[in-house]
Amino acid sequence: MTLYTRFAAHIDAALDTLTTAGVLPAGLDRRNVTVEPPRDASHGDLATNAAMVLAKPAGVKPRDLAERLAAELTKLDDVARVDVAGPGFINMMLTDDSWRAELATVHAAGADYGRSTTGEGITVNIEYVSANPTGPMHMGHCRGAVVGDALANLLEFAGNKVIREYYVNDAGGQVDVLGRSAHVRYREALGETVTIPEGLYPGDYLVPVGQALAAEYGDRYVTAPEAEWLPLFRTRAVAAMLVLIRDDLALLGIHHDLFSSEAELQAAGKPQAAEAELRARDLVYDGVLEEPKGETPDDWEPVELPLFRSTQYGDDQDRPIRKSNGQWTYFGADLAYHYQKAQGADQLIDIWGADHAGTVKRIVAAVAALTGGKTRFDVKLIQMVRLLRAGEPVKMSKRSGNFVTLADVVREVGRDVVRFTMLTRRADAQMDFDFAKVVEASKDNPVFYVQYAHARIASLHRRAAEAGIAAGEADLSRLGTEELGLVKLLAQFPRMVETAASTREPHRIAFYLYDLAGAFHALWNVGNDRPDRRFLVVEDADATRARLFLAAGVGQIIRNGLAIMGVEAVSEMN
């Protein structure tokens, strides 16, 4: 039990006491009662809104209730002072020993400190990356991949069961283009001099696919009609691209639990099942789309199509699920896919590129309709990453045809740098990735700053051991006000985990670690001017052991946070 959960229990017990005394009526809903740090640290260590939340349903004045509750909280051994502020906010100042006890809790819990049970019993399906299987991963896919994977780690740390899913878009026209591109490389492998036609994929990554097909089939499909070879070439090319994609994701430490095929989904009749379900609820009907706004195209004519009533769920118009030729629209296929996912999970999360923003409202509407509003569904939009080298835009990769590969970037700067950097901005904010800056050894580089804090702590323990001072049991009374200020920041980690998980924002962990590293470095630097305040004071073994204990706690939280981000906590900096 961490400090915040312990005080939540204390407040609950105090409210029980007031209920027994007749101050509060029984059965009040306490779910909105919170315990958190005050906005102004000078007001205390913890604050609760209990009186503000419960006063109205209890029929009492908030200030009066706050005074009664404060009197109960003052009785706690961990509390040094309780103040009632404004109309009824309660601020508590804790004893120094309570913070020392929390530092001991960090050590005792170790890798589990901050782990939550808020997600227990809830299965979350996170679909992320889902790049078209038409080539290797490029940096346009990287940010969504990292955000999705870190979010999966975060939700697992918060107690959820997580399904990591990749949706393979292998039923659209882009895979036909891929098959035709592979056919060009197949002819090339057989000795023909080829020019990649406009509109096909020019990357060299299809050369091995063409060579493999040539070795297996010889010249059998060189002059054959497209209808004979396209299904085969398409299937083989998609399979080869998925191998490339899996390998690229593995470089980032990303492994999905499930790869779902759009083609298999349609072959299994899932879209038809979703349509039948929605028709039974009168949420799909046959109608005519509104005439396009503005100047009407010459070839436009009203056509009756099956339409989903997305306007009932906030969309600006109803949406077709089939085209006039009977094929499924992207929306119709997505609707069926989400219907399938919702049958195996309590909550759904999609990680999409920002260019898909226009389709969010309709798919959210569809999931709400299919699940009766019972399935929480979040779509996280990821903004683009601009690649720079010393401030200049990076040139495209010749091998790939028209993009910079994820593999090349990871091999140049390292997996940890890529993963951490992708989480140093909100997902919906644009990002610059400068090859020079992400490996810079400075405070302005969050990757270096946090890693350096952990490496500095590891070095401290090595130097202490060399001086004959072993870490272990420590007299924590030797930790003063500034050291305990760092403990207060450590104690916020469990709250940060729960907040980041509930808002689906893994970047909060990166921000927190940067602040923690900054506080640690600042405390370390105090010793530059005051030798007695250094973490390692050979002449004062007791003080050193207490500070080693504190530093080890900081290191533990850094490791816990980096593990959520999928980043290694290094013990030495090269």
Protein backbone atom coordinates (compact mmCIF):
# COMPACT_ATOMS: atom_id res chain seq x y z
CA MET A 1 0.00 0.00 0.00
CA THR A 2 1.47 3.35 -1.06
CA LEU A 3 1.11 6.64 0.79
CA TYR A 4 -1.76 7.92 -1.34
CA THR A 5 -3.77 4.71 -1.09
CA ARG A 6 -3.07 4.61 2.65
CA PHE A 7 -4.43 8.13 3.12
CA ALA A 8 -7.42 7.38 0.94
CA ALA A 9 -8.17 4.59 3.42
CA HIS A 10 -7.61 6.98 6.34
CA ILE A 11 -10.09 9.48 4.92
CA ASP A 12 -12.58 6.69 4.24
CA ALA A 13 -12.26 5.55 7.85
CA ALA A 14 -12.72 9.13 9.11
CA LEU A 15 -15.87 9.45 7.00
CA ASP A 16 -17.11 6.17 8.50
CA THR A 17 -16.58 7.67 11.95
CA LEU A 18 -18.58 10.78 11.03
CA THR A 19 -21.33 8.59 9.59
CA THR A 20 -21.52 6.57 12.81
CA ALA A 21 -21.68 9.84 14.78
CA GLY A 22 -24.63 11.01 12.67
CA VAL A 23 -22.74 13.88 11.05
CA LEU A 24 -23.11 12.21 7.64
CA PRO A 25 -26.00 10.09 6.38
CA ALA A 26 -25.26 6.48 5.45
CA GLY A 27 -24.83 5.45 1.82
CA LEU A 28 -23.17 8.57 0.42
CA ASP A 29 -21.39 8.05 -2.88
CA ARG A 30 -17.68 8.62 -2.16
CA ARG A 31 -16.30 7.75 -5.60
CA ASN A 32 -15.39 11.35 -6.39
CA VAL A 33 -13.45 11.88 -3.18
CA THR A 34 -9.77 12.37 -4.06
CA VAL A 35 -6.41 12.57 -2.29
CA GLU A 36 -3.72 14.46 -4.18
CA PRO A 37 -0.93 16.99 -3.72
CA PRO A 38 -2.15 20.59 -3.30
CA ARG A 39 -1.63 22.84 -6.30
CA ASP A 40 0.55 25.05 -4.11
CA ALA A 41 3.17 22.98 -2.25
CA SER A 42 3.27 25.60 0.53
CA HIS A 43 -0.25 24.55 1.54
CA GLY A 44 0.88 21.07 2.60
CA ASP A 45 1.66 17.60 1.37
CA LEU A 46 -1.81 16.19 0.66
CA ALA A 47 -5.23 17.64 -0.03
CA THR A 48 -8.70 16.14 -0.14
CA ASN A 49 -11.94 17.43 -1.61
CA ALA A 50 -14.06 15.15 0.61
CA ALA A 51 -15.98 17.94 2.31
CA MET A 52 -16.66 19.76 -0.97
CA VAL A 53 -17.94 16.59 -2.63
CA LEU A 54 -20.08 15.24 0.21
CA ALA A 55 -21.50 18.38 1.82
CA LYS A 56 -24.38 18.97 -0.58
CA PRO A 57 -25.75 15.39 -0.63
CA ALA A 58 -25.27 15.30 3.17
CA GLY A 59 -27.18 18.57 3.60
CA VAL A 60 -24.39 20.32 5.54
CA LYS A 61 -22.10 23.28 4.89
CA PRO A 62 -18.77 22.29 3.28
CA ARG A 63 -16.75 24.32 5.77
CA ASP A 64 -18.52 22.74 8.75
CA LEU A 65 -17.98 19.24 7.38
CA ALA A 66 -14.34 20.05 6.62
CA GLU A 67 -13.77 21.15 10.23
CA ARG A 68 -15.23 17.90 11.57
CA LEU A 69 -13.24 15.79 9.12
CA ALA A 70 -10.04 17.74 9.87
CA ALA A 71 -10.48 16.99 13.58
CA GLU A 72 -10.53 13.25 12.79
CA LEU A 73 -7.51 13.43 10.48
CA THR A 74 -5.48 15.33 13.07
CA LYS A 75 -5.56 12.18 15.23
CA LEU A 76 -3.43 10.25 12.69
CA ASP A 77 0.19 9.61 13.65
CA ASP A 78 1.37 10.46 10.13
CA VAL A 79 -0.21 13.91 10.20
CA ALA A 80 1.65 16.91 11.58
CA ARG A 81 -1.00 19.52 10.77
CA VAL A 82 -4.42 19.83 9.10
CA ASP A 83 -5.76 23.10 7.68
CA VAL A 84 -9.15 23.94 6.22
CA ALA A 85 -8.87 26.33 3.31
CA GLY A 86 -11.48 28.41 1.51
CA PRO A 87 -15.00 26.97 1.44
CA GLY A 88 -13.91 23.51 2.63
CA PHE A 89 -10.71 22.14 1.11
CA ILE A 90 -8.57 20.16 3.53
CA ASN A 91 -4.77 20.36 3.39
CA MET A 92 -2.54 18.05 5.40
CA MET A 93 1.10 18.39 6.32
CA LEU A 94 2.66 15.00 7.01
CA THR A 95 5.41 14.12 9.44
CA ASP A 96 8.93 13.56 8.18
CA ASP A 97 8.73 9.99 9.43
CA SER A 98 5.78 9.29 7.14
CA TRP A 99 7.96 10.17 4.13
CA ARG A 100 10.82 8.08 5.43
CA ALA A 101 8.37 5.19 5.74
CA GLU A 102 7.30 5.74 2.12
CA LEU A 103 10.90 5.52 0.97
CA ALA A 104 11.13 2.18 2.76
CA THR A 105 7.96 1.14 0.92
CA VAL A 106 9.62 1.95 -2.42
CA HIS A 107 12.46 -0.39 -1.51
CA ALA A 108 10.20 -3.14 -0.26
CA ALA A 109 7.97 -3.07 -3.34
CA GLY A 110 10.86 -2.77 -5.79
CA ALA A 111 9.77 -3.37 -9.38
CA ASP A 112 6.14 -3.48 -8.24
CA TYR A 113 6.12 0.00 -6.71
CA GLY A 114 3.45 1.95 -8.56
CA ARG A 115 1.74 -1.15 -9.90
CA SER A 116 -2.01 -0.67 -9.70
CA THR A 117 -5.11 -2.82 -9.47
CA THR A 118 -7.41 -0.25 -11.06
CA GLY A 119 -7.56 -2.27 -14.28
CA GLU A 120 -8.15 -5.69 -12.73
CA GLY A 121 -10.83 -7.67 -14.52
CA ILE A 122 -10.78 -5.38 -17.57
CA THR A 123 -9.45 -6.62 -20.92
CA VAL A 124 -8.24 -3.90 -23.27
CA ASN A 125 -7.57 -4.45 -26.97
CA ILE A 126 -5.00 -1.99 -28.35
CA GLU A 127 -4.63 -1.90 -32.11
CA TYR A 128 -1.52 -0.04 -33.19
CA VAL A 129 0.84 0.31 -36.14
CA SER A 130 -1.42 -1.53 -38.66
CA ALA A 131 0.63 -0.17 -41.54
CA ASN A 132 -0.39 -1.36 -44.99
CA PRO A 133 1.68 -4.50 -45.75
CA THR A 134 3.32 -2.94 -48.77
CA GLY A 135 6.88 -2.47 -47.57
CA PRO A 136 9.19 -2.15 -44.56
CA MET A 137 8.32 0.15 -41.68
CA HIS A 138 9.20 3.80 -42.07
CA MET A 139 9.46 6.61 -39.52
CA GLY A 140 5.90 7.64 -40.26
CA HIS A 141 4.85 4.45 -38.49
CA CYS A 142 7.36 4.67 -35.64
CA ARG A 143 5.65 7.11 -33.31
CA GLY A 144 2.34 5.28 -33.29
CA ALA A 145 4.15 2.00 -32.74
CA VAL A 146 5.98 3.33 -29.68
CA VAL A 147 2.95 5.10 -28.22
CA GLY A 148 0.80 1.99 -28.66
CA ASP A 149 3.37 -0.34 -27.15
CA ALA A 150 4.11 1.96 -24.19
CA LEU A 151 0.38 2.34 -23.60
CA ALA A 152 0.01 -1.45 -23.59
CA ASN A 153 2.81 -1.71 -21.00
CA LEU A 154 1.23 1.06 -18.94
CA LEU A 155 -2.20 -0.56 -18.88
CA GLU A 156 -0.69 -3.90 -17.88
CA PHE A 157 1.16 -2.14 -15.05
CA ALA A 158 -2.21 -0.69 -14.01
CA GLY A 159 -3.70 -4.19 -13.78
CA ASN A 160 -5.40 -4.61 -17.15
CA LYS A 161 -5.19 -7.65 -19.37
CA VAL A 162 -3.98 -6.29 -22.70
CA ILE A 163 -4.31 -7.69 -26.22
CA ARG A 164 -1.82 -6.12 -28.65
CA GLU A 165 -3.31 -6.31 -32.13
CA TYR A 166 -2.10 -5.46 -35.63
CA TYR A 167 -4.77 -5.13 -38.32
CA VAL A 168 -3.42 -6.28 -41.68
CA ASN A 169 -5.07 -4.23 -44.45
CA ASP A 170 -4.70 -6.94 -47.10
CA ALA A 171 -8.03 -6.62 -48.89
CA GLY A 172 -7.75 -3.25 -50.60
CA GLY A 173 -6.40 -2.01 -53.89
CA GLN A 174 -2.97 -1.28 -52.39
CA VAL A 175 -2.18 -5.00 -52.15
CA ASP A 176 -3.08 -5.42 -55.83
CA VAL A 177 -0.50 -2.72 -56.55
CA LEU A 178 1.96 -4.64 -54.38
CA GLY A 179 1.29 -7.83 -56.35
CA ARG A 180 1.88 -6.05 -59.64
CA SER A 181 5.08 -4.51 -58.27
CA ALA A 182 6.30 -7.97 -57.27
CA HIS A 183 5.55 -9.19 -60.80
CA VAL A 184 7.89 -6.53 -62.21
CA ARG A 185 10.66 -7.72 -59.88
CA TYR A 186 9.86 -11.32 -60.83
CA ARG A 187 10.45 -10.50 -64.50
CA GLU A 188 13.63 -8.65 -63.54
CA ALA A 189 14.88 -11.74 -61.67
CA LEU A 190 14.40 -13.72 -64.87
CA GLY A 191 16.77 -11.38 -66.75
CA GLU A 192 14.41 -8.79 -68.17
CA THR A 193 15.48 -5.15 -68.01
CA VAL A 194 12.60 -3.39 -66.29
CA THR A 195 11.45 0.11 -65.48
CA ILE A 196 9.10 0.48 -62.54
CA PRO A 197 5.86 1.91 -63.94
CA GLU A 198 4.35 4.99 -62.34
CA GLY A 199 2.03 4.03 -59.49
CA LEU A 200 3.87 0.83 -58.51
CA TYR A 201 6.17 0.42 -55.51
CA PRO A 202 9.77 1.13 -56.57
CA GLY A 203 11.65 0.00 -53.45
CA ASP A 204 14.44 -2.56 -53.66
CA TYR A 205 12.81 -4.50 -50.81
CA LEU A 206 10.68 -6.30 -53.42
CA VAL A 207 13.74 -7.66 -55.24
CA PRO A 208 14.03 -10.76 -52.97
CA VAL A 209 10.31 -11.42 -53.42
CA GLY A 210 10.70 -11.43 -57.21
CA GLN A 211 13.76 -13.67 -56.97
CA ALA A 212 11.95 -16.19 -54.78
CA LEU A 213 8.98 -16.31 -57.19
CA ALA A 214 11.31 -16.71 -60.18
CA ALA A 215 13.16 -19.56 -58.48
CA GLU A 216 9.92 -21.37 -57.72
CA TYR A 217 7.89 -20.78 -60.89
CA GLY A 218 10.43 -20.01 -63.60
CA ASP A 219 8.93 -18.09 -66.51
CA ARG A 220 5.45 -19.56 -66.05
CA TYR A 221 3.82 -16.18 -65.25
CA VAL A 222 5.88 -13.85 -67.43
CA THR A 223 3.28 -13.52 -70.20
CA ALA A 224 0.31 -15.09 -68.40
CA PRO A 225 -2.85 -12.98 -67.95
CA GLU A 226 -2.88 -10.94 -64.75
CA ALA A 227 -5.90 -12.82 -63.44
CA GLU A 228 -3.77 -16.00 -63.30
CA TRP A 229 -0.86 -14.65 -61.28
CA LEU A 230 -2.13 -11.63 -59.31
CA PRO A 231 -3.76 -13.55 -56.40
CA LEU A 232 -0.60 -15.65 -55.93
CA PHE A 233 1.83 -12.74 -56.25
CA ARG A 234 -0.30 -10.62 -53.94
CA THR A 235 -0.38 -13.31 -51.24
CA ARG A 236 3.35 -14.03 -51.44
CA ALA A 237 4.26 -10.35 -51.40
CA VAL A 238 2.03 -9.60 -48.40
CA ALA A 239 3.54 -12.53 -46.49
CA ALA A 240 7.07 -11.30 -47.26
CA MET A 241 6.19 -7.75 -46.22
CA LEU A 242 4.77 -8.97 -42.92
CA VAL A 243 8.08 -10.70 -42.21
CA LEU A 244 9.85 -7.38 -42.85
CA ILE A 245 7.37 -5.53 -40.67
CA ARG A 246 7.72 -7.98 -37.78
CA ASP A 247 11.50 -7.75 -38.01
CA ASP A 248 11.38 -3.95 -38.02
CA LEU A 249 9.06 -3.86 -35.03
CA ALA A 250 11.32 -6.32 -33.20
CA LEU A 251 14.13 -3.77 -33.50
CA LEU A 252 11.96 -1.52 -31.35
CA GLY A 253 11.14 -4.35 -28.95
CA ILE A 254 7.55 -4.52 -30.19
CA HIS A 255 5.71 -7.82 -30.52
CA HIS A 256 1.97 -8.11 -31.17
CA ASP A 257 -0.23 -10.84 -29.74
CA LEU A 258 -2.50 -10.94 -32.75
CA PHE A 259 -2.31 -10.17 -36.46
CA SER A 260 -5.84 -9.90 -37.89
CA SER A 261 -6.34 -10.10 -41.65
CA GLU A 262 -8.90 -7.88 -43.34
CA ALA A 263 -9.14 -10.38 -46.19
CA GLU A 264 -9.85 -13.24 -43.79
CA LEU A 265 -12.38 -11.10 -41.95
CA GLN A 266 -14.30 -10.50 -45.14
CA ALA A 267 -13.99 -14.13 -46.28
CA ALA A 268 -15.51 -15.20 -42.95
CA GLY A 269 -18.56 -13.00 -43.55
CA LYS A 270 -17.94 -10.69 -40.59
CA PRO A 271 -19.10 -7.53 -42.39
CA GLN A 272 -22.37 -9.24 -43.32
CA ALA A 273 -22.86 -10.28 -39.70
CA ALA A 274 -22.28 -6.73 -38.49
CA GLU A 275 -24.69 -5.37 -41.09
CA ALA A 276 -27.38 -7.88 -40.09
CA GLU A 277 -26.93 -6.95 -36.42
CA LEU A 278 -27.30 -3.25 -37.18
CA ARG A 279 -30.27 -3.76 -39.51
CA ALA A 280 -32.01 -5.69 -36.75
CA ARG A 281 -31.64 -2.59 -34.57
CA ASP A 282 -32.73 -0.27 -37.39
CA LEU A 283 -29.26 1.30 -37.42
CA VAL A 284 -28.61 0.41 -41.06
CA TYR A 285 -31.12 1.27 -43.76
CA ASP A 286 -31.17 1.59 -47.55
CA GLY A 287 -31.03 5.23 -48.57
CA VAL A 288 -29.51 7.80 -50.88
CA LEU A 289 -26.52 9.91 -49.90
CA GLU A 290 -26.91 13.67 -49.81
CA GLU A 291 -25.80 15.52 -52.91
CA PRO A 292 -22.18 16.72 -52.54
CA LYS A 293 -21.87 20.23 -51.17
CA GLY A 294 -20.66 22.92 -53.54
CA GLU A 295 -20.53 22.29 -57.27
CA THR A 296 -21.99 18.89 -58.10
CA PRO A 297 -19.70 16.66 -60.23
CA ASP A 298 -21.04 15.88 -63.72
CA ASP A 299 -20.98 12.15 -63.09
CA TRP A 300 -22.80 12.29 -59.75
CA GLU A 301 -26.13 10.53 -59.56
CA PRO A 302 -28.24 9.43 -56.61
CA VAL A 303 -27.66 5.75 -55.79
CA GLU A 304 -29.39 3.75 -53.09
CA LEU A 305 -26.85 2.33 -50.64
CA PRO A 306 -26.92 0.67 -47.20
CA LEU A 307 -26.33 3.54 -44.78
CA PHE A 308 -25.38 3.46 -41.10
CA ARG A 309 -27.31 5.95 -38.94
CA SER A 310 -24.17 7.63 -37.63
CA THR A 311 -26.02 10.95 -37.20
CA GLN A 312 -27.71 9.37 -34.16
CA TYR A 313 -24.25 9.29 -32.58
CA GLY A 314 -23.01 12.78 -33.38
CA ASP A 315 -21.79 12.39 -36.97
CA ASP A 316 -22.76 15.04 -39.52
CA GLN A 317 -24.25 12.55 -42.00
CA ASP A 318 -25.13 8.88 -42.29
CA ARG A 319 -22.37 6.77 -43.82
CA PRO A 320 -22.46 4.04 -46.49
CA ILE A 321 -21.10 0.62 -45.55
CA ARG A 322 -21.10 -0.68 -49.15
CA LYS A 323 -20.21 0.85 -52.49
CA SER A 324 -22.56 0.89 -55.47
CA ASN A 325 -20.74 -2.20 -56.84
CA GLY A 326 -21.48 -4.13 -53.64
CA GLN A 327 -17.95 -4.01 -52.26
CA TRP A 328 -17.45 -2.92 -48.65
CA THR A 329 -16.39 0.64 -48.00
CA TYR A 330 -13.43 1.23 -45.70
CA PHE A 331 -15.95 2.20 -43.06
CA GLY A 332 -17.99 -0.96 -43.59
CA ALA A 333 -14.89 -3.16 -43.24
CA ASP A 334 -13.72 -1.23 -40.16
CA LEU A 335 -17.15 -1.55 -38.62
CA ALA A 336 -17.00 -5.34 -38.93
CA TYR A 337 -13.45 -5.45 -37.60
CA HIS A 338 -14.36 -3.46 -34.48
CA TYR A 339 -17.46 -5.57 -33.98
CA GLN A 340 -15.19 -8.62 -33.86
CA LYS A 341 -12.74 -6.96 -31.46
CA ALA A 342 -15.48 -5.84 -29.09
CA GLN A 343 -16.57 -9.44 -28.64
CA GLY A 344 -13.23 -10.29 -27.05
CA ALA A 345 -12.45 -7.19 -24.99
CA ASP A 346 -14.11 -4.81 -22.53
CA GLN A 347 -12.38 -1.74 -23.91
CA LEU A 348 -10.89 -0.84 -27.30
CA ILE A 349 -8.10 1.58 -28.20
CA ASP A 350 -7.00 2.45 -31.72
CA ILE A 351 -3.74 4.29 -32.43
CA TRP A 352 -4.16 6.15 -35.72
CA GLY A 353 -2.24 8.68 -37.74
CA ALA A 354 -3.62 12.22 -37.59
CA ASP A 355 -4.59 11.96 -41.27
CA HIS A 356 -7.45 9.67 -40.16
CA ALA A 357 -9.03 12.32 -37.93
CA GLY A 358 -12.02 12.68 -40.24
CA THR A 359 -13.13 9.08 -39.69
CA VAL A 360 -12.97 9.05 -35.88
CA LYS A 361 -16.48 10.26 -35.24
CA ARG A 362 -18.16 7.67 -37.46
CA ILE A 363 -16.22 4.66 -36.15
CA VAL A 364 -16.80 5.76 -32.55
CA ALA A 365 -20.48 5.98 -33.43
CA ALA A 366 -20.42 2.49 -34.95
CA VAL A 367 -18.77 0.92 -31.90
CA ALA A 368 -21.24 2.67 -29.61
CA ALA A 369 -24.08 1.25 -31.70
CA LEU A 370 -22.69 -2.28 -31.92
CA THR A 371 -21.92 -2.53 -28.20
CA GLY A 372 -24.89 -0.63 -26.86
CA GLY A 373 -22.49 1.96 -25.48
CA LYS A 374 -21.01 -0.54 -23.03
CA THR A 375 -17.52 -0.73 -24.57
CA ARG A 376 -15.19 2.16 -23.91
CA PHE A 377 -13.51 3.07 -27.19
CA ASP A 378 -10.67 5.57 -27.51
CA VAL A 379 -8.95 6.67 -30.70
CA LYS A 380 -5.53 8.24 -30.13
CA LEU A 381 -4.37 10.37 -33.05
CA ILE A 382 -0.62 10.53 -33.66
CA GLN A 383 0.91 13.55 -35.36
CA MET A 384 3.71 13.24 -37.89
CA VAL A 385 7.42 13.20 -37.06
CA ARG A 386 9.72 15.47 -39.04
CA LEU A 387 13.20 13.99 -39.46
CA LEU A 388 16.12 16.42 -39.27
CA ARG A 389 19.87 16.19 -39.23
CA ALA A 390 21.46 19.21 -37.51
CA GLY A 391 18.31 21.17 -38.29
CA GLU A 392 18.11 20.19 -41.97
CA PRO A 393 15.42 17.85 -43.38
CA VAL A 394 16.67 14.30 -43.91
CA LYS A 395 16.85 13.04 -47.48
CA MET A 396 14.74 10.05 -48.44
CA SER A 397 16.05 6.51 -48.63
CA LYS A 398 16.92 5.22 -52.09
CA ARG A 399 16.48 1.60 -51.02
CA SER A 400 12.95 2.21 -49.88
CA GLY A 401 11.90 4.28 -52.83
CA ASN A 402 10.39 7.24 -51.05
CA PHE A 403 10.85 7.06 -47.27
CA VAL A 404 13.32 6.72 -44.40
CA THR A 405 13.19 3.25 -42.88
CA LEU A 406 12.60 2.69 -39.21
CA ALA A 407 15.37 0.07 -39.21
CA ASP A 408 17.97 2.57 -40.44
CA VAL A 409 17.03 5.06 -37.72
CA VAL A 410 17.10 2.48 -34.92
CA ARG A 411 20.46 1.15 -36.06
CA GLU A 412 21.92 4.66 -36.11
CA VAL A 413 20.74 6.05 -32.74
CA GLY A 414 19.55 2.97 -30.84
CA ARG A 415 16.20 1.55 -29.77
CA ASP A 416 16.09 3.30 -26.40
CA VAL A 417 16.71 6.72 -27.91
CA VAL A 418 13.96 6.23 -30.49
CA ARG A 419 11.42 4.92 -27.97
CA PHE A 420 12.07 7.56 -25.32
CA THR A 421 12.12 10.42 -27.83
CA MET A 422 8.77 9.39 -29.29
CA LEU A 423 7.24 9.84 -25.82
CA THR A 424 8.66 13.30 -25.10
CA ARG A 425 5.68 15.06 -26.65
CA ARG A 426 1.96 14.57 -26.45
CA ALA A 427 0.92 12.19 -29.18
CA ASP A 428 -1.31 14.84 -30.78
CA ALA A 429 1.53 17.40 -30.98
CA GLN A 430 3.89 17.53 -33.94
CA MET A 431 7.45 16.39 -33.31
CA ASP A 432 10.91 17.04 -34.72
CA PHE A 433 13.38 14.14 -34.52
CA ASP A 434 16.85 15.57 -35.01
CA PHE A 435 19.52 12.88 -35.27
CA ALA A 436 22.09 15.20 -33.67
CA LYS A 437 19.95 16.34 -30.74
CA VAL A 438 18.55 12.96 -29.69
CA VAL A 439 22.07 11.71 -28.89
CA GLU A 440 23.29 14.98 -27.38
CA ALA A 441 24.68 14.74 -23.83
CA SER A 442 22.79 17.67 -22.32
CA LYS A 443 19.94 18.56 -19.99
CA ASP A 444 17.92 19.55 -23.05
CA ASN A 445 17.90 15.92 -24.20
CA PRO A 446 15.42 14.06 -21.94
CA VAL A 447 16.75 10.66 -23.03
CA PHE A 448 20.26 11.47 -21.86
CA TYR A 449 19.10 13.35 -18.75
CA VAL A 450 17.07 10.45 -17.34
CA GLN A 451 19.56 7.76 -18.36
CA TYR A 452 22.38 9.81 -16.82
CA ALA A 453 20.51 9.99 -13.51
CA HIS A 454 20.28 6.20 -13.37
CA ALA A 455 23.91 5.73 -14.45
CA ARG A 456 25.01 8.29 -11.86
CA ILE A 457 23.20 6.34 -9.13
CA ALA A 458 24.82 3.08 -10.26
CA SER A 459 28.24 4.78 -10.24
CA LEU A 460 27.56 6.16 -6.76
CA HIS A 461 26.93 2.67 -5.39
CA ARG A 462 30.10 1.36 -7.03
CA ARG A 463 32.20 4.16 -5.55
CA ALA A 464 30.61 3.71 -2.12
CA ALA A 465 31.43 0.00 -2.20
CA GLU A 466 35.03 0.82 -3.15
CA ALA A 467 35.17 3.14 -0.12
CA GLY A 468 33.97 0.32 2.13
CA ILE A 469 30.44 1.68 2.63
CA ALA A 470 27.88 -0.96 1.71
CA ALA A 471 24.28 -0.08 0.89
CA GLY A 472 21.64 -1.68 3.06
CA GLU A 473 20.02 -0.80 6.37
CA ALA A 474 20.21 2.94 6.92
CA ASP A 475 19.31 5.50 9.56
CA LEU A 476 16.78 7.49 7.56
CA SER A 477 16.62 10.18 10.25
CA ARG A 478 19.78 11.47 8.56
CA LEU A 479 17.65 12.54 5.59
CA GLY A 480 16.75 16.19 5.88
CA THR A 481 14.15 18.47 4.30
CA GLU A 482 15.69 18.59 0.81
CA GLU A 483 16.19 14.82 0.66
CA LEU A 484 12.61 14.23 1.83
CA GLY A 485 11.43 16.59 -0.89
CA LEU A 486 12.80 14.06 -3.37
CA VAL A 487 10.90 11.27 -1.56
CA LYS A 488 7.69 13.28 -2.00
CA LEU A 489 8.29 13.23 -5.73
CA LEU A 490 8.94 9.47 -5.67
CA ALA A 491 5.65 8.95 -3.86
CA GLN A 492 3.74 10.51 -6.75
CA PHE A 493 4.72 7.71 -9.13
CA PRO A 494 1.73 5.42 -8.32
CA ARG A 495 -0.66 8.33 -8.90
CA MET A 496 1.10 9.14 -12.14
CA VAL A 497 0.66 5.56 -13.34
CA GLU A 498 -3.07 5.59 -12.60
CA THR A 499 -3.57 9.01 -14.18
CA ALA A 500 -1.60 8.13 -17.30
CA ALA A 501 -3.50 4.84 -17.64
CA SER A 502 -6.93 6.42 -17.21
CA THR A 503 -6.18 9.20 -19.74
CA ARG A 504 -4.37 6.79 -22.12
CA GLU A 505 -1.32 9.09 -22.15
CA PRO A 506 1.99 7.24 -21.71
CA HIS A 507 3.96 10.42 -22.37
CA ARG A 508 3.11 11.44 -18.79
CA ILE A 509 5.56 8.81 -17.57
CA ALA A 510 8.35 10.36 -19.65
CA PHE A 511 7.51 13.83 -18.32
CA TYR A 512 7.51 12.54 -14.74
CA LEU A 513 10.87 10.80 -15.16
CA TYR A 514 12.40 13.97 -16.58
CA ASP A 515 11.19 15.94 -13.55
CA LEU A 516 12.45 13.24 -11.18
CA ALA A 517 15.85 13.18 -12.88
CA GLY A 518 16.00 16.98 -12.67
CA ALA A 519 15.24 16.93 -8.93
CA PHE A 520 17.87 14.25 -8.34
CA HIS A 521 20.55 16.08 -10.34
CA ALA A 522 19.72 19.33 -8.48
CA LEU A 523 20.14 17.62 -5.10
CA TRP A 524 23.37 16.02 -6.31
CA ASN A 525 24.72 19.41 -7.39
CA VAL A 526 24.21 20.87 -3.91
CA GLY A 527 27.30 18.87 -2.96
CA ASN A 528 29.40 20.81 -5.46
CA ASP A 529 29.41 23.77 -3.08
CA ARG A 530 28.85 21.91 0.18
CA PRO A 531 30.98 18.76 0.52
CA ASP A 532 29.04 17.63 3.62
CA ARG A 533 25.90 17.41 1.45
CA ARG A 534 27.37 15.05 -1.10
CA PHE A 535 25.79 11.64 -1.52
CA LEU A 536 29.13 10.02 -0.76
CA VAL A 537 30.86 11.37 2.35
CA VAL A 538 33.51 8.85 3.32
CA GLU A 539 33.97 10.46 6.75
CA ASP A 540 30.24 10.07 7.57
CA ALA A 541 29.18 6.51 6.76
CA ASP A 542 25.74 6.87 8.35
CA ALA A 543 24.83 9.89 6.24
CA THR A 544 26.20 8.14 3.16
CA ARG A 545 24.13 5.00 3.78
CA ALA A 546 20.96 7.10 4.19
CA ARG A 547 21.65 8.92 0.93
CA LEU A 548 22.51 5.67 -0.82
CA PHE A 549 19.13 4.38 0.30
CA LEU A 550 17.48 7.49 -1.13
CA ALA A 551 19.42 7.25 -4.40
CA ALA A 552 18.52 3.58 -4.72
CA GLY A 553 14.85 4.51 -4.37
CA VAL A 554 15.21 7.07 -7.16
CA GLY A 555 16.93 4.47 -9.32
CA GLN A 556 14.11 2.00 -8.67
CA ILE A 557 11.44 4.45 -9.79
CA ILE A 558 13.44 5.35 -12.89
CA ARG A 559 13.69 1.65 -13.76
CA ASN A 560 9.97 1.14 -13.18
CA GLY A 561 9.07 4.10 -15.38
CA LEU A 562 11.52 3.20 -18.14
CA ALA A 563 10.19 -0.38 -18.16
CA ILE A 564 6.73 1.00 -18.93
CA MET A 565 8.25 3.01 -21.78
CA GLY A 566 10.12 -0.06 -23.03
CA VAL A 567 13.51 1.57 -22.41
CA GLU A 568 16.51 -0.01 -20.70
CA ALA A 569 17.89 1.68 -17.57
CA VAL A 570 21.63 1.80 -18.23
CA SER A 571 24.25 1.63 -15.49
CA GLU A 572 27.01 3.29 -17.51
CA MET A 573 27.01 6.02 -20.13
CA ASN A 574 29.27 5.57 -23.15
